[in-house]
């Protein structure tokens, strides 16, 4: 209820689900930079919040290290919900339903408090587990992939899996993937205050990636084809560029033919988890 309730915003116009819509794996399909109260434009694209239970750090720059503390970034951000936790608690405690619902969930509570508000929100997010895609069924021996999808998987392992690794399809590290040569958004360096992290952003999970456009921290690419075109021929050099993209002999990026791009996209589409998207609990 809290996740879908605009009561958390200052003017009661924006809910968490505005920018994290269930039908697109909890992302914002409409805006490269999501809109907050009074149509204020944010500074980054809203990432998927699937599988947050298994992530070590949160936000594009890793500025949050515990899931309980992710919601205040949206609630108190003037470009998003533009509210204070104190005001949210007042609204919740005066509400016709929330005091009883919190009491039912947390019997020890007499008054809704900040820790329990944040705990309720993080517990909901921790339930958002995506692990039942066609790829997962294939891994379990319960399904098959087409020849094109298998070729895409082989290519993915050879050319992409260093960063998009493991069951989560992310190494949970930060990388400069060659989008720019100067960085209006400092990325990870905003947190570490180190020039070595300029232009680095959290490597996103690729689960449900076929549904989570637009792509990159600023939503600059509209399609997966655009993304692969960038890696094949659009990578820009800078001092912090990921070594995986800096190649030898002046080569930047990841060489990909048109056929390889089609095969990769065919594989990436097998990561769409329809059971997750249609789960009535969410």
C-alpha atoms as a PDB file:
ATOM      1  CA  UNK A   1       0.000   0.000   0.000  1.00  0.00           C
ATOM      2  CA  UNK A   2       2.757   2.437   0.917  1.00  0.00           C
ATOM      3  CA  UNK A   3       4.653   1.749  -2.311  1.00  0.00           C
ATOM      4  CA  UNK A   4       1.589   2.659  -4.365  1.00  0.00           C
ATOM      5  CA  UNK A   5       0.364   5.549  -2.217  1.00  0.00           C
ATOM      6  CA  UNK A   6       1.041   9.158  -3.332  1.00  0.00           C
ATOM      7  CA  UNK A   7       0.468  10.201   0.289  1.00  0.00           C
ATOM      8  CA  UNK A   8       4.246   9.855   0.683  1.00  0.00           C
ATOM      9  CA  UNK A   9       4.798  12.916  -1.524  1.00  0.00           C
ATOM     10  CA  UNK A  10       4.363  16.551  -0.539  1.00  0.00           C
ATOM     11  CA  UNK A  11       1.329  17.248  -2.729  1.00  0.00           C
ATOM     12  CA  UNK A  12       0.106  13.631  -2.804  1.00  0.00           C
ATOM     13  CA  UNK A  13       0.731  13.360  -6.542  1.00  0.00           C
ATOM     14  CA  UNK A  14       3.678  10.935  -6.745  1.00  0.00           C
ATOM     15  CA  UNK A  15       3.984   7.370  -5.442  1.00  0.00           C
ATOM     16  CA  UNK A  16       6.992   5.064  -5.528  1.00  0.00           C
ATOM     17  CA  UNK A  17       5.211   3.140  -8.273  1.00  0.00           C
ATOM     18  CA  UNK A  18       5.116   6.212 -10.526  1.00  0.00           C
ATOM     19  CA  UNK A  19       8.801   5.692 -11.264  1.00  0.00           C
ATOM     20  CA  UNK A  20       8.931   1.957 -10.534  1.00  0.00           C
ATOM     21  CA  UNK A  21       6.015   0.484 -12.478  1.00  0.00           C
ATOM     22  CA  UNK A  22       5.268  -3.215 -12.015  1.00  0.00           C
ATOM     23  CA  UNK A  23       4.532  -3.884 -15.688  1.00  0.00           C
ATOM     24  CA  UNK A  24       8.036  -2.879 -16.746  1.00  0.00           C
ATOM     25  CA  UNK A  25       9.905  -4.707 -13.978  1.00  0.00           C
ATOM     26  CA  UNK A  26       9.582  -1.720 -11.649  1.00  0.00           C
ATOM     27  CA  UNK A  27      11.111   0.911 -13.935  1.00  0.00           C
ATOM     28  CA  UNK A  28       9.796   4.085 -15.580  1.00  0.00           C
ATOM     29  CA  UNK A  29       9.007   3.380 -19.250  1.00  0.00           C
ATOM     30  CA  UNK A  30       7.858   6.911 -20.022  1.00  0.00           C
ATOM     31  CA  UNK A  31      10.744   9.125 -19.006  1.00  0.00           C
ATOM     32  CA  UNK A  32      14.504   9.080 -19.445  1.00  0.00           C
ATOM     33  CA  UNK A  33      14.678  11.199 -16.278  1.00  0.00           C
ATOM     34  CA  UNK A  34      11.683  10.550 -14.060  1.00  0.00           C
ATOM     35  CA  UNK A  35       9.334  13.318 -12.992  1.00  0.00           C
ATOM     36  CA  UNK A  36       8.507  14.245  -9.397  1.00  0.00           C
ATOM     37  CA  UNK A  37       6.077  16.693  -7.810  1.00  0.00           C
ATOM     38  CA  UNK A  38       5.091  19.620 -10.014  1.00  0.00           C
ATOM     39  CA  UNK A  39       6.579  17.728 -12.980  1.00  0.00           C
ATOM     40  CA  UNK A  40      10.106  18.398 -11.711  1.00  0.00           C
ATOM     41  CA  UNK A  41      12.657  16.462 -13.733  1.00  0.00           C
ATOM     42  CA  UNK A  42      15.117  14.290 -11.877  1.00  0.00           C
ATOM     43  CA  UNK A  43      18.787  13.821 -12.701  1.00  0.00           C
ATOM     44  CA  UNK A  44      18.891  10.053 -13.308  1.00  0.00           C
ATOM     45  CA  UNK A  45      16.869   7.251 -14.834  1.00  0.00           C
ATOM     46  CA  UNK A  46      14.812   5.109 -12.456  1.00  0.00           C
ATOM     47  CA  UNK A  47      16.467   1.661 -12.336  1.00  0.00           C
ATOM     48  CA  UNK A  48      14.681  -1.627 -11.763  1.00  0.00           C
ATOM     49  CA  UNK A  49      14.303  -2.581  -8.123  1.00  0.00           C
ATOM     50  CA  UNK A  50      14.007  -6.324  -8.735  1.00  0.00           C
ATOM     51  CA  UNK A  51      16.306  -8.518  -6.628  1.00  0.00           C
ATOM     52  CA  UNK A  52      17.282  -5.703  -4.279  1.00  0.00           C
ATOM     53  CA  UNK A  53      17.439  -8.286  -1.480  1.00  0.00           C
ATOM     54  CA  UNK A  54      20.697  -9.544  -2.981  1.00  0.00           C
ATOM     55  CA  UNK A  55      22.390  -6.230  -3.715  1.00  0.00           C
ATOM     56  CA  UNK A  56      25.220  -4.857  -1.586  1.00  0.00           C
ATOM     57  CA  UNK A  57      24.690  -1.181  -2.441  1.00  0.00           C
ATOM     58  CA  UNK A  58      21.919   0.885  -3.977  1.00  0.00           C
ATOM     59  CA  UNK A  59      21.389   3.831  -6.338  1.00  0.00           C
ATOM     60  CA  UNK A  60      23.422   4.435  -9.497  1.00  0.00           C
ATOM     61  CA  UNK A  61      26.324   5.739  -7.402  1.00  0.00           C
ATOM     62  CA  UNK A  62      26.091   3.288  -4.494  1.00  0.00           C
ATOM     63  CA  UNK A  63      25.313   6.088  -2.078  1.00  0.00           C
ATOM     64  CA  UNK A  64      22.984   3.890  -0.003  1.00  0.00           C
ATOM     65  CA  UNK A  65      24.308   0.737   1.637  1.00  0.00           C
ATOM     66  CA  UNK A  66      21.160  -0.614   3.334  1.00  0.00           C
ATOM     67  CA  UNK A  67      17.788  -1.202   1.719  1.00  0.00           C
ATOM     68  CA  UNK A  68      15.961   0.391   4.671  1.00  0.00           C
ATOM     69  CA  UNK A  69      17.565   3.720   3.772  1.00  0.00           C
ATOM     70  CA  UNK A  70      16.693   3.737   0.073  1.00  0.00           C
ATOM     71  CA  UNK A  71      13.149   5.230   0.391  1.00  0.00           C
ATOM     72  CA  UNK A  72      14.192   8.499   2.110  1.00  0.00           C
ATOM     73  CA  UNK A  73      16.254   9.358  -0.980  1.00  0.00           C
ATOM     74  CA  UNK A  74      13.038   9.550  -2.973  1.00  0.00           C
ATOM     75  CA  UNK A  75      10.768  10.894  -0.234  1.00  0.00           C
ATOM     76  CA  UNK A  76      13.036  13.801   0.730  1.00  0.00           C
ATOM     77  CA  UNK A  77      14.495  14.582  -2.700  1.00  0.00           C
ATOM     78  CA  UNK A  78      13.030  17.942  -3.866  1.00  0.00           C
ATOM     79  CA  UNK A  79      12.994  16.645  -7.457  1.00  0.00           C
ATOM     80  CA  UNK A  80      11.039  13.534  -6.499  1.00  0.00           C
ATOM     81  CA  UNK A  81       8.559  13.446  -3.603  1.00  0.00           C
ATOM     82  CA  UNK A  82       9.773  16.643  -1.907  1.00  0.00           C
ATOM     83  CA  UNK A  83       8.455  15.627   1.498  1.00  0.00           C
ATOM     84  CA  UNK A  84       9.948  15.072   4.952  1.00  0.00           C
ATOM     85  CA  UNK A  85       9.771  11.825   6.887  1.00  0.00           C
ATOM     86  CA  UNK A  86       8.290  13.792   9.798  1.00  0.00           C
ATOM     87  CA  UNK A  87       5.401  14.996   7.630  1.00  0.00           C
ATOM     88  CA  UNK A  88       4.842  11.507   6.189  1.00  0.00           C
ATOM     89  CA  UNK A  89       4.555  10.086   9.694  1.00  0.00           C
ATOM     90  CA  UNK A  90       2.005  12.733  10.654  1.00  0.00           C
ATOM     91  CA  UNK A  91      -0.105  11.864   7.619  1.00  0.00           C
ATOM     92  CA  UNK A  92       0.151   8.134   8.292  1.00  0.00           C
ATOM     93  CA  UNK A  93      -0.747   8.415  11.995  1.00  0.00           C
ATOM     94  CA  UNK A  94      -3.811  10.544  11.145  1.00  0.00           C
ATOM     95  CA  UNK A  95      -4.907   8.216   8.344  1.00  0.00           C
ATOM     96  CA  UNK A  96      -8.067   6.129   8.603  1.00  0.00           C
ATOM     97  CA  UNK A  97      -6.378   2.812   7.757  1.00  0.00           C
ATOM     98  CA  UNK A  98      -2.618   2.922   8.273  1.00  0.00           C
ATOM     99  CA  UNK A  99      -2.456   2.882  12.109  1.00  0.00           C
ATOM    100  CA  UNK A 100      -4.468  -0.336  12.190  1.00  0.00           C
ATOM    101  CA  UNK A 101      -2.512  -1.905   9.362  1.00  0.00           C
ATOM    102  CA  UNK A 102       0.818  -1.101  11.018  1.00  0.00           C
ATOM    103  CA  UNK A 103      -0.496  -2.493  14.319  1.00  0.00           C
ATOM    104  CA  UNK A 104      -1.485  -5.712  12.559  1.00  0.00           C
ATOM    105  CA  UNK A 105       1.947  -6.044  10.940  1.00  0.00           C
ATOM    106  CA  UNK A 106       3.918  -4.895  13.997  1.00  0.00           C
ATOM    107  CA  UNK A 107       1.870  -5.657  17.178  1.00  0.00           C
ATOM    108  CA  UNK A 108       4.423  -3.924  19.409  1.00  0.00           C
ATOM    109  CA  UNK A 109       3.665  -0.553  17.767  1.00  0.00           C
ATOM    110  CA  UNK A 110       1.402   2.060  19.321  1.00  0.00           C
ATOM    111  CA  UNK A 111       2.489   4.853  16.945  1.00  0.00           C
ATOM    112  CA  UNK A 112       3.886   4.614  13.419  1.00  0.00           C
ATOM    113  CA  UNK A 113       7.554   5.574  13.597  1.00  0.00           C
ATOM    114  CA  UNK A 114      10.273   6.149  11.018  1.00  0.00           C
ATOM    115  CA  UNK A 115      12.072   2.802  11.501  1.00  0.00           C
ATOM    116  CA  UNK A 116       8.866   0.839  10.902  1.00  0.00           C
ATOM    117  CA  UNK A 117       7.847   2.970   7.925  1.00  0.00           C
ATOM    118  CA  UNK A 118      11.207   2.290   6.296  1.00  0.00           C
ATOM    119  CA  UNK A 119      11.169  -1.357   7.351  1.00  0.00           C
ATOM    120  CA  UNK A 120       7.742  -1.888   5.767  1.00  0.00           C
ATOM    121  CA  UNK A 121       8.938  -0.393   2.483  1.00  0.00           C
ATOM    122  CA  UNK A 122      12.185  -2.355   2.444  1.00  0.00           C
ATOM    123  CA  UNK A 123      10.405  -5.612   3.259  1.00  0.00           C
ATOM    124  CA  UNK A 124       8.164  -5.104   0.236  1.00  0.00           C
ATOM    125  CA  UNK A 125      11.163  -4.409  -1.973  1.00  0.00           C
ATOM    126  CA  UNK A 126      12.966  -7.458  -0.594  1.00  0.00           C
ATOM    127  CA  UNK A 127      10.101  -9.631  -1.859  1.00  0.00           C
ATOM    128  CA  UNK A 128      10.600  -8.455  -5.456  1.00  0.00           C
ATOM    129  CA  UNK A 129      12.610 -11.487  -6.540  1.00  0.00           C
ATOM    130  CA  UNK A 130      12.892 -12.227 -10.252  1.00  0.00           C
ATOM    131  CA  UNK A 131      14.250 -15.730 -10.921  1.00  0.00           C
ATOM    132  CA  UNK A 132      11.768 -17.515 -13.206  1.00  0.00           C
ATOM    133  CA  UNK A 133      12.615 -16.382 -16.724  1.00  0.00           C
ATOM    134  CA  UNK A 134      12.972 -18.678 -19.747  1.00  0.00           C
ATOM    135  CA  UNK A 135      16.722 -18.535 -19.149  1.00  0.00           C
ATOM    136  CA  UNK A 136      16.243 -19.724 -15.561  1.00  0.00           C
ATOM    137  CA  UNK A 137      14.065 -22.616 -16.724  1.00  0.00           C
ATOM    138  CA  UNK A 138      16.763 -23.519 -19.253  1.00  0.00           C
ATOM    139  CA  UNK A 139      19.411 -23.451 -16.514  1.00  0.00           C
ATOM    140  CA  UNK A 140      17.266 -25.775 -14.412  1.00  0.00           C
ATOM    141  CA  UNK A 141      16.778 -28.185 -17.296  1.00  0.00           C
ATOM    142  CA  UNK A 142      13.058 -27.430 -17.428  1.00  0.00           C
ATOM    143  CA  UNK A 143      13.002 -25.513 -20.700  1.00  0.00           C
ATOM    144  CA  UNK A 144      14.893 -24.931 -23.900  1.00  0.00           C
ATOM    145  CA  UNK A 145      16.310 -22.021 -25.873  1.00  0.00           C
ATOM    146  CA  UNK A 146      16.206 -21.565 -29.620  1.00  0.00           C
ATOM    147  CA  UNK A 147      19.386 -21.885 -31.634  1.00  0.00           C
ATOM    148  CA  UNK A 148      19.598 -18.089 -31.949  1.00  0.00           C
ATOM    149  CA  UNK A 149      19.101 -17.646 -28.204  1.00  0.00           C
ATOM    150  CA  UNK A 150      21.833 -20.211 -27.438  1.00  0.00           C
ATOM    151  CA  UNK A 151      24.197 -18.457 -29.822  1.00  0.00           C
ATOM    152  CA  UNK A 152      23.359 -15.203 -28.055  1.00  0.00           C
ATOM    153  CA  UNK A 153      24.107 -16.821 -24.689  1.00  0.00           C
ATOM    154  CA  UNK A 154      27.524 -17.972 -25.942  1.00  0.00           C
ATOM    155  CA  UNK A 155      28.261 -14.467 -27.208  1.00  0.00           C
ATOM    156  CA  UNK A 156      27.088 -12.983 -23.929  1.00  0.00           C
ATOM    157  CA  UNK A 157      29.445 -15.220 -21.964  1.00  0.00           C
ATOM    158  CA  UNK A 158      32.333 -14.253 -24.241  1.00  0.00           C
ATOM    159  CA  UNK A 159      31.734 -10.513 -24.553  1.00  0.00           C
ATOM    160  CA  UNK A 160      29.480  -9.250 -21.729  1.00  0.00           C
ATOM    161  CA  UNK A 161      29.638 -11.509 -18.688  1.00  0.00           C
ATOM    162  CA  UNK A 162      32.737  -9.959 -17.111  1.00  0.00           C
ATOM    163  CA  UNK A 163      30.591  -7.070 -15.851  1.00  0.00           C
ATOM    164  CA  UNK A 164      27.084  -8.569 -16.133  1.00  0.00           C
ATOM    165  CA  UNK A 165      28.036 -11.688 -14.235  1.00  0.00           C
ATOM    166  CA  UNK A 166      26.440 -14.345 -12.083  1.00  0.00           C
ATOM    167  CA  UNK A 167      22.803 -15.082 -11.366  1.00  0.00           C
ATOM    168  CA  UNK A 168      22.036 -11.380 -10.921  1.00  0.00           C
ATOM    169  CA  UNK A 169      23.734 -10.429 -14.223  1.00  0.00           C
ATOM    170  CA  UNK A 170      25.801  -7.784 -12.454  1.00  0.00           C
ATOM    171  CA  UNK A 171      29.135  -7.889 -10.667  1.00  0.00           C
ATOM    172  CA  UNK A 172      27.744  -5.138  -8.385  1.00  0.00           C
ATOM    173  CA  UNK A 173      30.738  -2.963  -9.216  1.00  0.00           C
ATOM    174  CA  UNK A 174      30.963   0.491 -10.809  1.00  0.00           C
ATOM    175  CA  UNK A 175      32.199   1.189 -14.303  1.00  0.00           C
ATOM    176  CA  UNK A 176      32.673   3.957 -16.834  1.00  0.00           C
ATOM    177  CA  UNK A 177      31.217   2.433 -19.994  1.00  0.00           C
ATOM    178  CA  UNK A 178      32.341   5.146 -22.360  1.00  0.00           C
ATOM    179  CA  UNK A 179      29.244   7.289 -22.637  1.00  0.00           C
ATOM    180  CA  UNK A 180      31.073  10.622 -22.283  1.00  0.00           C
ATOM    181  CA  UNK A 181      34.470  12.269 -22.120  1.00  0.00           C
ATOM    182  CA  UNK A 182      33.349  14.847 -19.533  1.00  0.00           C
ATOM    183  CA  UNK A 183      30.926  14.045 -16.752  1.00  0.00           C
ATOM    184  CA  UNK A 184      28.172  16.461 -15.746  1.00  0.00           C
ATOM    185  CA  UNK A 185      27.052  13.657 -13.404  1.00  0.00           C
ATOM    186  CA  UNK A 186      30.121  12.550 -11.453  1.00  0.00           C
ATOM    187  CA  UNK A 187      28.687   9.106 -10.779  1.00  0.00           C
ATOM    188  CA  UNK A 188      30.500   7.048  -8.154  1.00  0.00           C
ATOM    189  CA  UNK A 189      32.955   9.940  -7.631  1.00  0.00           C
ATOM    190  CA  UNK A 190      30.091  11.881  -6.021  1.00  0.00           C
ATOM    191  CA  UNK A 191      30.301   9.397  -3.149  1.00  0.00           C
ATOM    192  CA  UNK A 192      33.997   8.548  -3.017  1.00  0.00           C
ATOM    193  CA  UNK A 193      35.256  12.038  -3.981  1.00  0.00           C
ATOM    194  CA  UNK A 194      37.952  10.283  -6.011  1.00  0.00           C
ATOM    195  CA  UNK A 195      38.856  11.256  -9.576  1.00  0.00           C
ATOM    196  CA  UNK A 196      39.442   7.549 -10.217  1.00  0.00           C
ATOM    197  CA  UNK A 197      35.662   7.069 -10.042  1.00  0.00           C
ATOM    198  CA  UNK A 198      34.612   9.862 -12.400  1.00  0.00           C
ATOM    199  CA  UNK A 199      31.892   8.719 -14.776  1.00  0.00           C
ATOM    200  CA  UNK A 200      31.500   5.341 -13.109  1.00  0.00           C
ATOM    201  CA  UNK A 201      28.004   4.023 -12.375  1.00  0.00           C
ATOM    202  CA  UNK A 202      26.692   0.834 -10.849  1.00  0.00           C
ATOM    203  CA  UNK A 203      26.614  -2.028 -13.339  1.00  0.00           C
ATOM    204  CA  UNK A 204      22.880  -2.740 -13.625  1.00  0.00           C
ATOM    205  CA  UNK A 205      21.321  -6.173 -13.548  1.00  0.00           C
ATOM    206  CA  UNK A 206      20.138  -7.302 -16.975  1.00  0.00           C
ATOM    207  CA  UNK A 207      17.198  -9.301 -15.681  1.00  0.00           C
ATOM    208  CA  UNK A 208      14.034  -8.185 -17.516  1.00  0.00           C
ATOM    209  CA  UNK A 209      16.230  -5.832 -19.554  1.00  0.00           C
ATOM    210  CA  UNK A 210      14.004  -6.111 -22.641  1.00  0.00           C
ATOM    211  CA  UNK A 211      11.323  -4.258 -20.653  1.00  0.00           C
ATOM    212  CA  UNK A 212      13.378  -1.672 -18.817  1.00  0.00           C
ATOM    213  CA  UNK A 213      14.056   0.940 -21.512  1.00  0.00           C
ATOM    214  CA  UNK A 214      15.252   3.640 -21.638  1.00  0.00           C
ATOM    215  CA  UNK A 215      18.790   2.586 -20.771  1.00  0.00           C
ATOM    216  CA  UNK A 216      21.844   3.984 -18.957  1.00  0.00           C
ATOM    217  CA  UNK A 217      21.926   6.187 -15.863  1.00  0.00           C
ATOM    218  CA  UNK A 218      20.459   9.071 -17.848  1.00  0.00           C
ATOM    219  CA  UNK A 219      18.113   7.059 -20.041  1.00  0.00           C
ATOM    220  CA  UNK A 220      19.820   8.217 -23.232  1.00  0.00           C
ATOM    221  CA  UNK A 221      19.230   5.015 -25.230  1.00  0.00           C
ATOM    222  CA  UNK A 222      15.709   3.998 -26.190  1.00  0.00           C
ATOM    223  CA  UNK A 223      16.352   0.454 -27.420  1.00  0.00           C
ATOM    224  CA  UNK A 224      18.644  -2.512 -26.874  1.00  0.00           C
ATOM    225  CA  UNK A 225      19.824  -1.993 -30.443  1.00  0.00           C
ATOM    226  CA  UNK A 226      20.972   1.506 -29.440  1.00  0.00           C
ATOM    227  CA  UNK A 227      22.851   0.038 -26.479  1.00  0.00           C
ATOM    228  CA  UNK A 228      24.697  -2.541 -28.567  1.00  0.00           C
ATOM    229  CA  UNK A 229      25.487   0.073 -31.224  1.00  0.00           C
ATOM    230  CA  UNK A 230      27.114   2.130 -28.472  1.00  0.00           C
ATOM    231  CA  UNK A 231      29.282  -0.758 -27.301  1.00  0.00           C
ATOM    232  CA  UNK A 232      30.228  -1.697 -30.875  1.00  0.00           C
ATOM    233  CA  UNK A 233      31.068   1.750 -32.221  1.00  0.00           C
ATOM    234  CA  UNK A 234      30.200   4.549 -29.805  1.00  0.00           C
ATOM    235  CA  UNK A 235      32.486   4.100 -26.794  1.00  0.00           C
ATOM    236  CA  UNK A 236      34.373   7.268 -25.882  1.00  0.00           C
ATOM    237  CA  UNK A 237      37.808   7.254 -24.296  1.00  0.00           C
ATOM    238  CA  UNK A 238      38.542   8.850 -20.924  1.00  0.00           C
ATOM    239  CA  UNK A 239      41.008   8.188 -18.085  1.00  0.00           C
ATOM    240  CA  UNK A 240      38.526   6.079 -16.100  1.00  0.00           C
ATOM    241  CA  UNK A 241      37.122   4.023 -19.001  1.00  0.00           C
ATOM    242  CA  UNK A 242      36.589   0.377 -18.078  1.00  0.00           C
ATOM    243  CA  UNK A 243      39.571  -1.679 -19.209  1.00  0.00           C
ATOM    244  CA  UNK A 244      37.182  -4.178 -20.823  1.00  0.00           C
ATOM    245  CA  UNK A 245      36.248  -1.446 -23.303  1.00  0.00           C
ATOM    246  CA  UNK A 246      39.655   0.080 -23.910  1.00  0.00           C
ATOM    247  CA  UNK A 247      40.972  -2.755 -26.118  1.00  0.00           C
ATOM    248  CA  UNK A 248      44.345  -2.821 -27.815  1.00  0.00           C
ATOM    249  CA  UNK A 249      45.637  -1.084 -30.950  1.00  0.00           C
ATOM    250  CA  UNK A 250      43.344   1.885 -30.419  1.00  0.00           C
ATOM    251  CA  UNK A 251      40.242  -0.331 -30.484  1.00  0.00           C
ATOM    252  CA  UNK A 252      37.425   0.889 -28.218  1.00  0.00           C
ATOM    253  CA  UNK A 253      34.322  -1.012 -27.238  1.00  0.00           C
ATOM    254  CA  UNK A 254      33.192  -4.545 -28.070  1.00  0.00           C
ATOM    255  CA  UNK A 255      33.311  -5.624 -31.726  1.00  0.00           C
ATOM    256  CA  UNK A 256      29.871  -6.882 -32.762  1.00  0.00           C
ATOM    257  CA  UNK A 257      28.460  -7.765 -36.163  1.00  0.00           C
ATOM    258  CA  UNK A 258      24.821  -7.146 -37.047  1.00  0.00           C
ATOM    259  CA  UNK A 259      24.142 -10.862 -36.686  1.00  0.00           C
ATOM    260  CA  UNK A 260      25.805 -10.976 -33.270  1.00  0.00           C
ATOM    261  CA  UNK A 261      23.679  -8.061 -32.105  1.00  0.00           C
ATOM    262  CA  UNK A 262      20.521  -9.914 -33.144  1.00  0.00           C
ATOM    263  CA  UNK A 263      21.683 -13.042 -31.338  1.00  0.00           C
ATOM    264  CA  UNK A 264      22.523 -11.119 -28.177  1.00  0.00           C
ATOM    265  CA  UNK A 265      19.133  -9.416 -28.136  1.00  0.00           C
ATOM    266  CA  UNK A 266      17.417 -12.765 -28.672  1.00  0.00           C
ATOM    267  CA  UNK A 267      19.216 -14.049 -25.578  1.00  0.00           C
ATOM    268  CA  UNK A 268      18.529 -10.924 -23.510  1.00  0.00           C
ATOM    269  CA  UNK A 269      14.814 -11.368 -24.156  1.00  0.00           C
ATOM    270  CA  UNK A 270      14.996 -14.768 -22.426  1.00  0.00           C
ATOM    271  CA  UNK A 271      15.698 -12.889 -19.178  1.00  0.00           C
ATOM    272  CA  UNK A 272      12.127 -11.532 -19.091  1.00  0.00           C
ATOM    273  CA  UNK A 273      10.360 -13.066 -16.084  1.00  0.00           C
ATOM    274  CA  UNK A 274       6.622 -13.141 -16.741  1.00  0.00           C
ATOM    275  CA  UNK A 275       5.862 -14.955 -13.486  1.00  0.00           C
ATOM    276  CA  UNK A 276       7.472 -12.030 -11.649  1.00  0.00           C
ATOM    277  CA  UNK A 277       5.632  -9.403 -13.681  1.00  0.00           C
ATOM    278  CA  UNK A 278       2.258 -11.090 -13.127  1.00  0.00           C
ATOM    279  CA  UNK A 279       2.725 -11.991  -9.436  1.00  0.00           C
ATOM    280  CA  UNK A 280      -0.527 -10.839  -7.759  1.00  0.00           C
ATOM    281  CA  UNK A 281       1.288 -10.061  -4.499  1.00  0.00           C
ATOM    282  CA  UNK A 282       2.930  -7.063  -6.149  1.00  0.00           C
END
